[in-house]
Amino acid sequence: MDPIANLFRLYRYQMDPHFVTDAVEAAVGVYDRDFLSALIRTLNPLWWAWKLVGWLASLPFALIGAAGFNRAAAEGSVIGKLFKFIAEISILILTLLQIDQLVFAGKYLVLIKANLPT
């Protein structure tokens, strides 16, 4: 039973109202301890970029779930984790290549190709 959802029915379940305040105070303590790292994550654009990459990599699993299959099982399987890892790395590499093309006009990619052994 969720004591927060049943706040006004605690007397029916013979629960002490202090149980709810203790749970809320514990949650506030967790949030207070995590405040600085949460603030850093919120302001860090790389963290948001990685969240976007993870979301893009999980889109095929969302389609699997929409088709009626078990999304959690597919995403949690070894093949699913491997697919997600490969998708995340591929998206990351393609993004870096696109940034190279847009910002540096491909200069660094040309340097890498010139230094490859033939």
PDB file of N, CA and C in Angstrom:
ATOM      1  N   MET A   1       0.836  -1.173   0.000  1.00  0.00           N
ATOM      2  CA  MET A   1       0.000   0.000   0.000  1.00  0.00           C
ATOM      3  C   MET A   1       0.881   1.237   0.000  1.00  0.00           C
ATOM      4  N   ASP A   2       0.515   2.223  -0.792  1.00  0.00           N
ATOM      5  CA  ASP A   2       1.259   3.468  -0.877  1.00  0.00           C
ATOM      6  C   ASP A   2       0.690   4.452   0.144  1.00  0.00           C
ATOM      7  N   PRO A   3       1.451   4.779   1.186  1.00  0.00           N
ATOM      8  CA  PRO A   3       0.900   5.662   2.225  1.00  0.00           C
ATOM      9  C   PRO A   3       0.683   7.087   1.741  1.00  0.00           C
ATOM     10  N   ILE A   4       1.446   7.534   0.745  1.00  0.00           N
ATOM     11  CA  ILE A   4       1.263   8.894   0.239  1.00  0.00           C
ATOM     12  C   ILE A   4      -0.045   8.982  -0.549  1.00  0.00           C
ATOM     13  N   ALA A   5      -0.310   7.991  -1.379  1.00  0.00           N
ATOM     14  CA  ALA A   5      -1.543   7.993  -2.168  1.00  0.00           C
ATOM     15  C   ALA A   5      -2.771   7.825  -1.280  1.00  0.00           C
ATOM     16  N   ASN A   6      -2.630   7.113  -0.188  1.00  0.00           N
ATOM     17  CA  ASN A   6      -3.744   6.875   0.729  1.00  0.00           C
ATOM     18  C   ASN A   6      -3.598   7.705   1.998  1.00  0.00           C
ATOM     19  N   LEU A   7      -3.171   8.933   1.835  1.00  0.00           N
ATOM     20  CA  LEU A   7      -2.868   9.796   2.976  1.00  0.00           C
ATOM     21  C   LEU A   7      -4.070   9.980   3.893  1.00  0.00           C
ATOM     22  N   PHE A   8      -5.243  10.131   3.321  1.00  0.00           N
ATOM     23  CA  PHE A   8      -6.433  10.391   4.125  1.00  0.00           C
ATOM     24  C   PHE A   8      -7.139   9.108   4.578  1.00  0.00           C
ATOM     25  N   ARG A   9      -6.561   7.957   4.255  1.00  0.00           N
ATOM     26  CA  ARG A   9      -7.136   6.682   4.678  1.00  0.00           C
ATOM     27  C   ARG A   9      -6.207   5.918   5.618  1.00  0.00           C
ATOM     28  N   LEU A  10      -5.220   6.575   6.157  1.00  0.00           N
ATOM     29  CA  LEU A  10      -4.249   5.886   7.009  1.00  0.00           C
ATOM     30  C   LEU A  10      -4.898   5.272   8.239  1.00  0.00           C
ATOM     31  N   TYR A  11      -5.931   5.943   8.745  1.00  0.00           N
ATOM     32  CA  TYR A  11      -6.592   5.418   9.945  1.00  0.00           C
ATOM     33  C   TYR A  11      -7.244   4.070   9.670  1.00  0.00           C
ATOM     34  N   ARG A  12      -7.681   3.842   8.410  1.00  0.00           N
ATOM     35  CA  ARG A  12      -8.294   2.556   8.064  1.00  0.00           C
ATOM     36  C   ARG A  12      -7.284   1.412   8.137  1.00  0.00           C
ATOM     37  N   TYR A  13      -6.055   1.732   7.802  1.00  0.00           N
ATOM     38  CA  TYR A  13      -5.006   0.713   7.789  1.00  0.00           C
ATOM     39  C   TYR A  13      -4.204   0.699   9.086  1.00  0.00           C
ATOM     40  N   GLN A  14      -4.638   1.470  10.044  1.00  0.00           N
ATOM     41  CA  GLN A  14      -4.002   1.581  11.354  1.00  0.00           C
ATOM     42  C   GLN A  14      -2.517   1.919  11.222  1.00  0.00           C
ATOM     43  N   MET A  15      -2.249   2.923  10.388  1.00  0.00           N
ATOM     44  CA  MET A  15      -0.873   3.372  10.183  1.00  0.00           C
ATOM     45  C   MET A  15      -0.656   4.687  10.904  1.00  0.00           C
ATOM     46  N   ASP A  16       0.528   4.855  11.424  1.00  0.00           N
ATOM     47  CA  ASP A  16       0.897   6.075  12.117  1.00  0.00           C
ATOM     48  C   ASP A  16       1.121   7.188  11.086  1.00  0.00           C
ATOM     49  N   PRO A  17       0.527   8.362  11.265  1.00  0.00           N
ATOM     50  CA  PRO A  17       0.739   9.464  10.316  1.00  0.00           C
ATOM     51  C   PRO A  17       2.200   9.914  10.243  1.00  0.00           C
ATOM     52  N   HIS A  18       2.968   9.628  11.278  1.00  0.00           N
ATOM     53  CA  HIS A  18       4.380  10.008  11.253  1.00  0.00           C
ATOM     54  C   HIS A  18       5.170   9.190  10.233  1.00  0.00           C
ATOM     55  N   PHE A  19       4.628   8.058   9.838  1.00  0.00           N
ATOM     56  CA  PHE A  19       5.274   7.250   8.810  1.00  0.00           C
ATOM     57  C   PHE A  19       5.384   8.041   7.510  1.00  0.00           C
ATOM     58  N   VAL A  20       4.339   8.798   7.179  1.00  0.00           N
ATOM     59  CA  VAL A  20       4.330   9.597   5.957  1.00  0.00           C
ATOM     60  C   VAL A  20       5.352  10.718   6.063  1.00  0.00           C
ATOM     61  N   THR A  21       5.369  11.418   7.196  1.00  0.00           N
ATOM     62  CA  THR A  21       6.330  12.519   7.333  1.00  0.00           C
ATOM     63  C   THR A  21       7.762  11.997   7.340  1.00  0.00           C
ATOM     64  N   ASP A  22       7.981  10.830   7.913  1.00  0.00           N
ATOM     65  CA  ASP A  22       9.322  10.243   7.884  1.00  0.00           C
ATOM     66  C   ASP A  22       9.748   9.920   6.452  1.00  0.00           C
ATOM     67  N   ALA A  23       8.825   9.390   5.662  1.00  0.00           N
ATOM     68  CA  ALA A  23       9.135   9.063   4.269  1.00  0.00           C
ATOM     69  C   ALA A  23       9.433  10.325   3.467  1.00  0.00           C
ATOM     70  N   VAL A  24       8.659  11.384   3.694  1.00  0.00           N
ATOM     71  CA  VAL A  24       8.884  12.645   2.984  1.00  0.00           C
ATOM     72  C   VAL A  24      10.223  13.249   3.394  1.00  0.00           C
ATOM     73  N   GLU A  25      10.537  13.227   4.683  1.00  0.00           N
ATOM     74  CA  GLU A  25      11.814  13.770   5.144  1.00  0.00           C
ATOM     75  C   GLU A  25      12.991  12.967   4.603  1.00  0.00           C
ATOM     76  N   ALA A  26      12.843  11.666   4.492  1.00  0.00           N
ATOM     77  CA  ALA A  26      13.907  10.846   3.910  1.00  0.00           C
ATOM     78  C   ALA A  26      14.111  11.199   2.437  1.00  0.00           C
ATOM     79  N   ALA A  27      13.016  11.419   1.718  1.00  0.00           N
ATOM     80  CA  ALA A  27      13.123  11.795   0.305  1.00  0.00           C
ATOM     81  C   ALA A  27      13.783  13.159   0.154  1.00  0.00           C
ATOM     82  N   VAL A  28      13.432  14.096   1.015  1.00  0.00           N
ATOM     83  CA  VAL A  28      14.053  15.424   0.974  1.00  0.00           C
ATOM     84  C   VAL A  28      15.550  15.307   1.246  1.00  0.00           C
ATOM     85  N   GLY A  29      15.934  14.439   2.166  1.00  0.00           N
ATOM     86  CA  GLY A  29      17.350  14.225   2.443  1.00  0.00           C
ATOM     87  C   GLY A  29      18.099  13.676   1.246  1.00  0.00           C
ATOM     88  N   VAL A  30      17.480  12.745   0.535  1.00  0.00           N
ATOM     89  CA  VAL A  30      18.108  12.190  -0.668  1.00  0.00           C
ATOM     90  C   VAL A  30      18.286  13.281  -1.707  1.00  0.00           C
ATOM     91  N   TYR A  31      17.272  14.103  -1.909  1.00  0.00           N
ATOM     92  CA  TYR A  31      17.372  15.184  -2.886  1.00  0.00           C
ATOM     93  C   TYR A  31      18.393  16.227  -2.464  1.00  0.00           C
ATOM     94  N   ASP A  32      18.497  16.514  -1.182  1.00  0.00           N
ATOM     95  CA  ASP A  32      19.497  17.471  -0.709  1.00  0.00           C
ATOM     96  C   ASP A  32      20.915  16.958  -0.941  1.00  0.00           C
ATOM     97  N   ARG A  33      21.147  15.677  -0.708  1.00  0.00           N
ATOM     98  CA  ARG A  33      22.478  15.112  -0.929  1.00  0.00           C
ATOM     99  C   ARG A  33      22.849  15.111  -2.405  1.00  0.00           C
ATOM    100  N   ASP A  34      21.873  14.960  -3.280  1.00  0.00           N
ATOM    101  CA  ASP A  34      22.125  14.859  -4.712  1.00  0.00           C
ATOM    102  C   ASP A  34      22.001  16.205  -5.428  1.00  0.00           C
ATOM    103  N   PHE A  35      21.793  17.289  -4.694  1.00  0.00           N
ATOM    104  CA  PHE A  35      21.489  18.574  -5.320  1.00  0.00           C
ATOM    105  C   PHE A  35      22.614  19.060  -6.225  1.00  0.00           C
ATOM    106  N   LEU A  36      23.854  19.051  -5.744  1.00  0.00           N
ATOM    107  CA  LEU A  36      24.962  19.593  -6.523  1.00  0.00           C
ATOM    108  C   LEU A  36      25.201  18.785  -7.795  1.00  0.00           C
ATOM    109  N   SER A  37      25.223  17.469  -7.688  1.00  0.00           N
ATOM    110  CA  SER A  37      25.436  16.665  -8.896  1.00  0.00           C
ATOM    111  C   SER A  37      24.253  16.788  -9.857  1.00  0.00           C
ATOM    112  N   ALA A  38      23.051  16.933  -9.329  1.00  0.00           N
ATOM    113  CA  ALA A  38      21.885  17.131 -10.202  1.00  0.00           C
ATOM    114  C   ALA A  38      21.964  18.476 -10.913  1.00  0.00           C
ATOM    115  N   LEU A  39      22.437  19.488 -10.219  1.00  0.00           N
ATOM    116  CA  LEU A  39      22.589  20.809 -10.837  1.00  0.00           C
ATOM    117  C   LEU A  39      23.644  20.766 -11.936  1.00  0.00           C
ATOM    118  N   ILE A  40      24.747  20.087 -11.665  1.00  0.00           N
ATOM    119  CA  ILE A  40      25.802  19.966 -12.676  1.00  0.00           C
ATOM    120  C   ILE A  40      25.281  19.205 -13.894  1.00  0.00           C
ATOM    121  N   ARG A  41      24.544  18.115 -13.662  1.00  0.00           N
ATOM    122  CA  ARG A  41      23.969  17.362 -14.783  1.00  0.00           C
ATOM    123  C   ARG A  41      22.998  18.225 -15.576  1.00  0.00           C
ATOM    124  N   THR A  42      22.218  19.027 -14.889  1.00  0.00           N
ATOM    125  CA  THR A  42      21.222  19.849 -15.570  1.00  0.00           C
ATOM    126  C   THR A  42      21.870  20.882 -16.479  1.00  0.00           C
ATOM    127  N   LEU A  43      22.987  21.434 -16.066  1.00  0.00           N
ATOM    128  CA  LEU A  43      23.639  22.494 -16.830  1.00  0.00           C
ATOM    129  C   LEU A  43      24.673  21.976 -17.824  1.00  0.00           C
ATOM    130  N   ASN A  44      24.971  20.693 -17.803  1.00  0.00           N
ATOM    131  CA  ASN A  44      25.994  20.126 -18.668  1.00  0.00           C
ATOM    132  C   ASN A  44      25.379  19.698 -20.003  1.00  0.00           C
ATOM    133  N   PRO A  45      25.753  20.353 -21.106  1.00  0.00           N
ATOM    134  CA  PRO A  45      25.161  19.978 -22.397  1.00  0.00           C
ATOM    135  C   PRO A  45      25.576  18.584 -22.862  1.00  0.00           C
ATOM    136  N   LEU A  46      26.747  18.114 -22.439  1.00  0.00           N
ATOM    137  CA  LEU A  46      27.159  16.765 -22.838  1.00  0.00           C
ATOM    138  C   LEU A  46      26.277  15.704 -22.199  1.00  0.00           C
ATOM    139  N   TRP A  47      25.823  15.962 -20.981  1.00  0.00           N
ATOM    140  CA  TRP A  47      24.924  15.019 -20.320  1.00  0.00           C
ATOM    141  C   TRP A  47      23.610  14.935 -21.086  1.00  0.00           C
ATOM    142  N   TRP A  48      23.097  16.085 -21.515  1.00  0.00           N
ATOM    143  CA  TRP A  48      21.847  16.096 -22.279  1.00  0.00           C
ATOM    144  C   TRP A  48      22.041  15.452 -23.645  1.00  0.00           C
ATOM    145  N   ALA A  49      23.206  15.667 -24.254  1.00  0.00           N
ATOM    146  CA  ALA A  49      23.480  15.039 -25.547  1.00  0.00           C
ATOM    147  C   ALA A  49      23.508  13.518 -25.405  1.00  0.00           C
ATOM    148  N   TRP A  50      24.119  13.029 -24.322  1.00  0.00           N
ATOM    149  CA  TRP A  50      24.163  11.578 -24.113  1.00  0.00           C
ATOM    150  C   TRP A  50      22.770  11.025 -23.826  1.00  0.00           C
ATOM    151  N   LYS A  51      21.933  11.788 -23.111  1.00  0.00           N
ATOM    152  CA  LYS A  51      20.549  11.361 -22.888  1.00  0.00           C
ATOM    153  C   LYS A  51      19.804  11.262 -24.221  1.00  0.00           C
ATOM    154  N   LEU A  52      20.061  12.215 -25.130  1.00  0.00           N
ATOM    155  CA  LEU A  52      19.435  12.182 -26.448  1.00  0.00           C
ATOM    156  C   LEU A  52      19.907  10.963 -27.240  1.00  0.00           C
ATOM    157  N   VAL A  53      21.201  10.667 -27.164  1.00  0.00           N
ATOM    158  CA  VAL A  53      21.738   9.488 -27.853  1.00  0.00           C
ATOM    159  C   VAL A  53      21.087   8.218 -27.303  1.00  0.00           C
ATOM    160  N   GLY A  54      20.956   8.137 -25.990  1.00  0.00           N
ATOM    161  CA  GLY A  54      20.302   6.974 -25.383  1.00  0.00           C
ATOM    162  C   GLY A  54      18.849   6.849 -25.802  1.00  0.00           C
ATOM    163  N   TRP A  55      18.172   7.988 -25.904  1.00  0.00           N
ATOM    164  CA  TRP A  55      16.770   7.971 -26.332  1.00  0.00           C
ATOM    165  C   TRP A  55      16.663   7.501 -27.784  1.00  0.00           C
ATOM    166  N   LEU A  56      17.557   8.006 -28.641  1.00  0.00           N
ATOM    167  CA  LEU A  56      17.534   7.581 -30.041  1.00  0.00           C
ATOM    168  C   LEU A  56      17.835   6.088 -30.175  1.00  0.00           C
ATOM    169  N   ALA A  57      18.757   5.595 -29.347  1.00  0.00           N
ATOM    170  CA  ALA A  57      19.100   4.172 -29.411  1.00  0.00           C
ATOM    171  C   ALA A  57      17.973   3.288 -28.888  1.00  0.00           C
ATOM    172  N   SER A  58      17.093   3.843 -28.060  1.00  0.00           N
ATOM    173  CA  SER A  58      15.994   3.035 -27.526  1.00  0.00           C
ATOM    174  C   SER A  58      14.723   3.117 -28.378  1.00  0.00           C
ATOM    175  N   LEU A  59      14.737   3.916 -29.433  1.00  0.00           N
ATOM    176  CA  LEU A  59      13.553   4.008 -30.303  1.00  0.00           C
ATOM    177  C   LEU A  59      13.150   2.662 -30.923  1.00  0.00           C
ATOM    178  N   PRO A  60      14.085   1.847 -31.409  1.00  0.00           N
ATOM    179  CA  PRO A  60      13.652   0.543 -31.945  1.00  0.00           C
ATOM    180  C   PRO A  60      12.940  -0.318 -30.907  1.00  0.00           C
ATOM    181  N   PHE A  61      13.356  -0.206 -29.651  1.00  0.00           N
ATOM    182  CA  PHE A  61      12.698  -0.982 -28.600  1.00  0.00           C
ATOM    183  C   PHE A  61      11.303  -0.425 -28.307  1.00  0.00           C
ATOM    184  N   ALA A  62      11.133   0.876 -28.480  1.00  0.00           N
ATOM    185  CA  ALA A  62       9.798   1.455 -28.332  1.00  0.00           C
ATOM    186  C   ALA A  62       8.868   0.932 -29.423  1.00  0.00           C
ATOM    187  N   LEU A  63       9.400   0.780 -30.625  1.00  0.00           N
ATOM    188  CA  LEU A  63       8.602   0.203 -31.712  1.00  0.00           C
ATOM    189  C   LEU A  63       8.255  -1.253 -31.424  1.00  0.00           C
ATOM    190  N   ILE A  64       9.196  -1.979 -30.839  1.00  0.00           N
ATOM    191  CA  ILE A  64       8.922  -3.367 -30.452  1.00  0.00           C
ATOM    192  C   ILE A  64       7.803  -3.406 -29.419  1.00  0.00           C
ATOM    193  N   GLY A  65       7.854  -2.484 -28.457  1.00  0.00           N
ATOM    194  CA  GLY A  65       6.800  -2.417 -27.446  1.00  0.00           C
ATOM    195  C   GLY A  65       5.464  -2.018 -28.039  1.00  0.00           C
ATOM    196  N   ALA A  66       5.485  -1.092 -29.016  1.00  0.00           N
ATOM    197  CA  ALA A  66       4.242  -0.674 -29.657  1.00  0.00           C
ATOM    198  C   ALA A  66       3.644  -1.796 -30.502  1.00  0.00           C
ATOM    199  N   ALA A  67       4.500  -2.693 -30.975  1.00  0.00           N
ATOM    200  CA  ALA A  67       4.014  -3.825 -31.766  1.00  0.00           C
ATOM    201  C   ALA A  67       3.384  -4.906 -30.899  1.00  0.00           C
ATOM    202  N   GLY A  68       3.502  -4.758 -29.585  1.00  0.00           N
ATOM    203  CA  GLY A  68       2.859  -5.708 -28.692  1.00  0.00           C
ATOM    204  C   GLY A  68       3.799  -6.689 -28.018  1.00  0.00           C
ATOM    205  N   PHE A  69       5.085  -6.563 -28.297  1.00  0.00           N
ATOM    206  CA  PHE A  69       6.052  -7.455 -27.668  1.00  0.00           C
ATOM    207  C   PHE A  69       6.533  -6.857 -26.351  1.00  0.00           C
ATOM    208  N   ASN A  70       7.260  -7.636 -25.585  1.00  0.00           N
ATOM    209  CA  ASN A  70       7.764  -7.201 -24.292  1.00  0.00           C
ATOM    210  C   ASN A  70       9.014  -6.348 -24.499  1.00  0.00           C
ATOM    211  N   ARG A  71       8.862  -5.035 -24.346  1.00  0.00           N
ATOM    212  CA  ARG A  71       9.966  -4.113 -24.581  1.00  0.00           C
ATOM    213  C   ARG A  71      11.081  -4.314 -23.560  1.00  0.00           C
ATOM    214  N   ALA A  72      10.721  -4.472 -22.290  1.00  0.00           N
ATOM    215  CA  ALA A  72      11.733  -4.608 -21.238  1.00  0.00           C
ATOM    216  C   ALA A  72      12.570  -5.865 -21.446  1.00  0.00           C
ATOM    217  N   ALA A  73      11.939  -6.943 -21.868  1.00  0.00           N
ATOM    218  CA  ALA A  73      12.680  -8.185 -22.109  1.00  0.00           C
ATOM    219  C   ALA A  73      13.607  -8.038 -23.306  1.00  0.00           C
ATOM    220  N   ALA A  74      13.130  -7.372 -24.352  1.00  0.00           N
ATOM    221  CA  ALA A  74      13.966  -7.185 -25.541  1.00  0.00           C
ATOM    222  C   ALA A  74      15.146  -6.274 -25.235  1.00  0.00           C
ATOM    223  N   GLU A  75      14.897  -5.219 -24.488  1.00  0.00           N
ATOM    224  CA  GLU A  75      15.958  -4.263 -24.175  1.00  0.00           C
ATOM    225  C   GLU A  75      16.935  -4.824 -23.144  1.00  0.00           C
ATOM    226  N   GLY A  76      16.484  -5.708 -22.298  1.00  0.00           N
ATOM    227  CA  GLY A  76      17.334  -6.276 -21.264  1.00  0.00           C
ATOM    228  C   GLY A  76      18.101  -7.510 -21.687  1.00  0.00           C
ATOM    229  N   SER A  77      17.786  -8.047 -22.852  1.00  0.00           N
ATOM    230  CA  SER A  77      18.495  -9.244 -23.308  1.00  0.00           C
ATOM    231  C   SER A  77      19.915  -8.880 -23.745  1.00  0.00           C
ATOM    232  N   VAL A  78      20.743  -9.890 -23.881  1.00  0.00           N
ATOM    233  CA  VAL A  78      22.137  -9.661 -24.283  1.00  0.00           C
ATOM    234  C   VAL A  78      22.190  -9.051 -25.680  1.00  0.00           C
ATOM    235  N   ILE A  79      21.379  -9.569 -26.584  1.00  0.00           N
ATOM    236  CA  ILE A  79      21.352  -9.037 -27.947  1.00  0.00           C
ATOM    237  C   ILE A  79      20.826  -7.603 -27.944  1.00  0.00           C
ATOM    238  N   GLY A  80      19.826  -7.333 -27.129  1.00  0.00           N
ATOM    239  CA  GLY A  80      19.291  -5.984 -27.035  1.00  0.00           C
ATOM    240  C   GLY A  80      20.302  -4.999 -26.488  1.00  0.00           C
ATOM    241  N   LYS A  81      21.036  -5.412 -25.453  1.00  0.00           N
ATOM    242  CA  LYS A  81      22.075  -4.538 -24.892  1.00  0.00           C
ATOM    243  C   LYS A  81      23.195  -4.303 -25.898  1.00  0.00           C
ATOM    244  N   LEU A  82      23.568  -5.359 -26.621  1.00  0.00           N
ATOM    245  CA  LEU A  82      24.602  -5.221 -27.640  1.00  0.00           C
ATOM    246  C   LEU A  82      24.135  -4.289 -28.753  1.00  0.00           C
ATOM    247  N   PHE A  83      22.895  -4.455 -29.197  1.00  0.00           N
ATOM    248  CA  PHE A  83      22.349  -3.571 -30.224  1.00  0.00           C
ATOM    249  C   PHE A  83      22.338  -2.125 -29.745  1.00  0.00           C
ATOM    250  N   LYS A  84      21.910  -1.903 -28.511  1.00  0.00           N
ATOM    251  CA  LYS A  84      21.844  -0.543 -27.982  1.00  0.00           C
ATOM    252  C   LYS A  84      23.239   0.069 -27.872  1.00  0.00           C
ATOM    253  N   PHE A  85      24.216  -0.725 -27.440  1.00  0.00           N
ATOM    254  CA  PHE A  85      25.595  -0.239 -27.346  1.00  0.00           C
ATOM    255  C   PHE A  85      26.131   0.147 -28.721  1.00  0.00           C
ATOM    256  N   ILE A  86      25.918  -0.721 -29.712  1.00  0.00           N
ATOM    257  CA  ILE A  86      26.388  -0.430 -31.071  1.00  0.00           C
ATOM    258  C   ILE A  86      25.668   0.794 -31.629  1.00  0.00           C
ATOM    259  N   ALA A  87      24.381   0.915 -31.365  1.00  0.00           N
ATOM    260  CA  ALA A  87      23.629   2.076 -31.839  1.00  0.00           C
ATOM    261  C   ALA A  87      24.134   3.355 -31.190  1.00  0.00           C
ATOM    262  N   GLU A  88      24.410   3.324 -29.887  1.00  0.00           N
ATOM    263  CA  GLU A  88      24.909   4.520 -29.205  1.00  0.00           C
ATOM    264  C   GLU A  88      26.273   4.934 -29.740  1.00  0.00           C
ATOM    265  N   ILE A  89      27.165   3.975 -29.930  1.00  0.00           N
ATOM    266  CA  ILE A  89      28.495   4.290 -30.462  1.00  0.00           C
ATOM    267  C   ILE A  89      28.382   4.808 -31.894  1.00  0.00           C
ATOM    268  N   SER A  90      27.514   4.204 -32.699  1.00  0.00           N
ATOM    269  CA  SER A  90      27.325   4.653 -34.081  1.00  0.00           C
ATOM    270  C   SER A  90      26.783   6.073 -34.128  1.00  0.00           C
ATOM    271  N   ILE A  91      25.802   6.363 -33.300  1.00  0.00           N
ATOM    272  CA  ILE A  91      25.241   7.715 -33.257  1.00  0.00           C
ATOM    273  C   ILE A  91      26.300   8.709 -32.816  1.00  0.00           C
ATOM    274  N   LEU A  92      27.109   8.334 -31.840  1.00  0.00           N
ATOM    275  CA  LEU A  92      28.172   9.211 -31.362  1.00  0.00           C
ATOM    276  C   LEU A  92      29.197   9.486 -32.459  1.00  0.00           C
ATOM    277  N   ILE A  93      29.624   8.456 -33.166  1.00  0.00           N
ATOM    278  CA  ILE A  93      30.607   8.639 -34.241  1.00  0.00           C
ATOM    279  C   ILE A  93      30.025   9.476 -35.369  1.00  0.00           C
ATOM    280  N   LEU A  94      28.792   9.196 -35.765  1.00  0.00           N
ATOM    281  CA  LEU A  94      28.167   9.978 -36.833  1.00  0.00           C
ATOM    282  C   LEU A  94      27.986  11.436 -36.430  1.00  0.00           C
ATOM    283  N   THR A  95      27.667  11.675 -35.169  1.00  0.00           N
ATOM    284  CA  THR A  95      27.528  13.049 -34.692  1.00  0.00           C
ATOM    285  C   THR A  95      28.864  13.769 -34.731  1.00  0.00           C
ATOM    286  N   LEU A  96      29.927  13.103 -34.284  1.00  0.00           N
ATOM    287  CA  LEU A  96      31.251  13.728 -34.321  1.00  0.00           C
ATOM    288  C   LEU A  96      31.697  14.003 -35.752  1.00  0.00           C
ATOM    289  N   LEU A  97      31.412  13.095 -36.673  1.00  0.00           N
ATOM    290  CA  LEU A  97      31.745  13.331 -38.078  1.00  0.00           C
ATOM    291  C   LEU A  97      30.954  14.501 -38.648  1.00  0.00           C
ATOM    292  N   GLN A  98      29.698  14.612 -38.262  1.00  0.00           N
ATOM    293  CA  GLN A  98      28.887  15.728 -38.741  1.00  0.00           C
ATOM    294  C   GLN A  98      29.389  17.050 -38.174  1.00  0.00           C
ATOM    295  N   ILE A  99      29.785  17.058 -36.913  1.00  0.00           N
ATOM    296  CA  ILE A  99      30.352  18.276 -36.322  1.00  0.00           C
ATOM    297  C   ILE A  99      31.643  18.644 -37.039  1.00  0.00           C
ATOM    298  N   ASP A 100      32.460  17.645 -37.381  1.00  0.00           N
ATOM    299  CA  ASP A 100      33.693  17.901 -38.122  1.00  0.00           C
ATOM    300  C   ASP A 100      33.379  18.532 -39.472  1.00  0.00           C
ATOM    301  N   GLN A 101      32.354  18.040 -40.141  1.00  0.00           N
ATOM    302  CA  GLN A 101      31.990  18.595 -41.442  1.00  0.00           C
ATOM    303  C   GLN A 101      31.452  20.019 -41.320  1.00  0.00           C
ATOM    304  N   LEU A 102      30.634  20.264 -40.306  1.00  0.00           N
ATOM    305  CA  LEU A 102      30.011  21.577 -40.174  1.00  0.00           C
ATOM    306  C   LEU A 102      30.965  22.634 -39.633  1.00  0.00           C
ATOM    307  N   VAL A 103      31.726  22.287 -38.616  1.00  0.00           N
ATOM    308  CA  VAL A 103      32.559  23.281 -37.944  1.00  0.00           C
ATOM    309  C   VAL A 103      33.921  23.415 -38.603  1.00  0.00           C
ATOM    310  N   PHE A 104      34.543  22.296 -38.894  1.00  0.00           N
ATOM    311  CA  PHE A 104      35.917  22.334 -39.386  1.00  0.00           C
ATOM    312  C   PHE A 104      36.017  22.033 -40.877  1.00  0.00           C
ATOM    313  N   ALA A 105      34.909  21.933 -41.558  1.00  0.00           N
ATOM    314  CA  ALA A 105      34.836  21.656 -42.994  1.00  0.00           C
ATOM    315  C   ALA A 105      35.604  20.390 -43.367  1.00  0.00           C
ATOM    316  N   GLY A 106      35.620  19.420 -42.461  1.00  0.00           N
ATOM    317  CA  GLY A 106      36.241  18.138 -42.749  1.00  0.00           C
ATOM    318  C   GLY A 106      37.756  18.125 -42.694  1.00  0.00           C
ATOM    319  N   LYS A 107      38.389  19.165 -42.141  1.00  0.00           N
ATOM    320  CA  LYS A 107      39.854  19.237 -42.126  1.00  0.00           C
ATOM    321  C   LYS A 107      40.470  18.108 -41.311  1.00  0.00           C
ATOM    322  N   TYR A 108      39.873  17.783 -40.180  1.00  0.00           N
ATOM    323  CA  TYR A 108      40.453  16.746 -39.329  1.00  0.00           C
ATOM    324  C   TYR A 108      40.265  15.361 -39.926  1.00  0.00           C
ATOM    325  N   LEU A 109      39.170  15.140 -40.598  1.00  0.00           N
ATOM    326  CA  LEU A 109      38.949  13.849 -41.242  1.00  0.00           C
ATOM    327  C   LEU A 109      39.963  13.633 -42.354  1.00  0.00           C
ATOM    328  N   VAL A 110      40.298  14.691 -43.091  1.00  0.00           N
ATOM    329  CA  VAL A 110      41.305  14.596 -44.144  1.00  0.00           C
ATOM    330  C   VAL A 110      42.667  14.288 -43.537  1.00  0.00           C
ATOM    331  N   LEU A 111      42.991  14.906 -42.399  1.00  0.00           N
ATOM    332  CA  LEU A 111      44.270  14.634 -41.737  1.00  0.00           C
ATOM    333  C   LEU A 111      44.355  13.189 -41.273  1.00  0.00           C
ATOM    334  N   ILE A 112      43.262  12.659 -40.770  1.00  0.00           N
ATOM    335  CA  ILE A 112      43.255  11.270 -40.320  1.00  0.00           C
ATOM    336  C   ILE A 112      43.447  10.329 -41.508  1.00  0.00           C
ATOM    337  N   LYS A 113      42.769  10.611 -42.621  1.00  0.00           N
ATOM    338  CA  LYS A 113      42.911   9.767 -43.809  1.00  0.00           C
ATOM    339  C   LYS A 113      44.326   9.839 -44.369  1.00  0.00           C
ATOM    340  N   ALA A 114      44.974  11.012 -44.295  1.00  0.00           N
ATOM    341  CA  ALA A 114      46.321  11.177 -44.831  1.00  0.00           C
ATOM    342  C   ALA A 114      47.343  10.397 -44.015  1.00  0.00           C
ATOM    343  N   ASN A 115      47.090  10.204 -42.734  1.00  0.00           N
ATOM    344  CA  ASN A 115      48.043   9.516 -41.866  1.00  0.00           C
ATOM    345  C   ASN A 115      47.800   8.015 -41.766  1.00  0.00           C
ATOM    346  N   LEU A 116      46.792   7.506 -42.430  1.00  0.00           N
ATOM    347  CA  LEU A 116      46.526   6.069 -42.388  1.00  0.00           C
ATOM    348  C   LEU A 116      47.539   5.325 -43.248  1.00  0.00           C
ATOM    349  N   PRO A 117      48.020   4.185 -42.766  1.00  0.00           N
ATOM    350  CA  PRO A 117      48.969   3.408 -43.589  1.00  0.00           C
ATOM    351  C   PRO A 117      48.247   2.792 -44.784  1.00  0.00           C
ATOM    352  N   THR A 118      48.962   2.718 -45.877  1.00  0.00           N
ATOM    353  CA  THR A 118      48.360   2.146 -47.090  1.00  0.00           C
ATOM    354  C   THR A 118      48.844   0.750 -47.340  1.00  0.00           C
TER     355      THR A 118
END
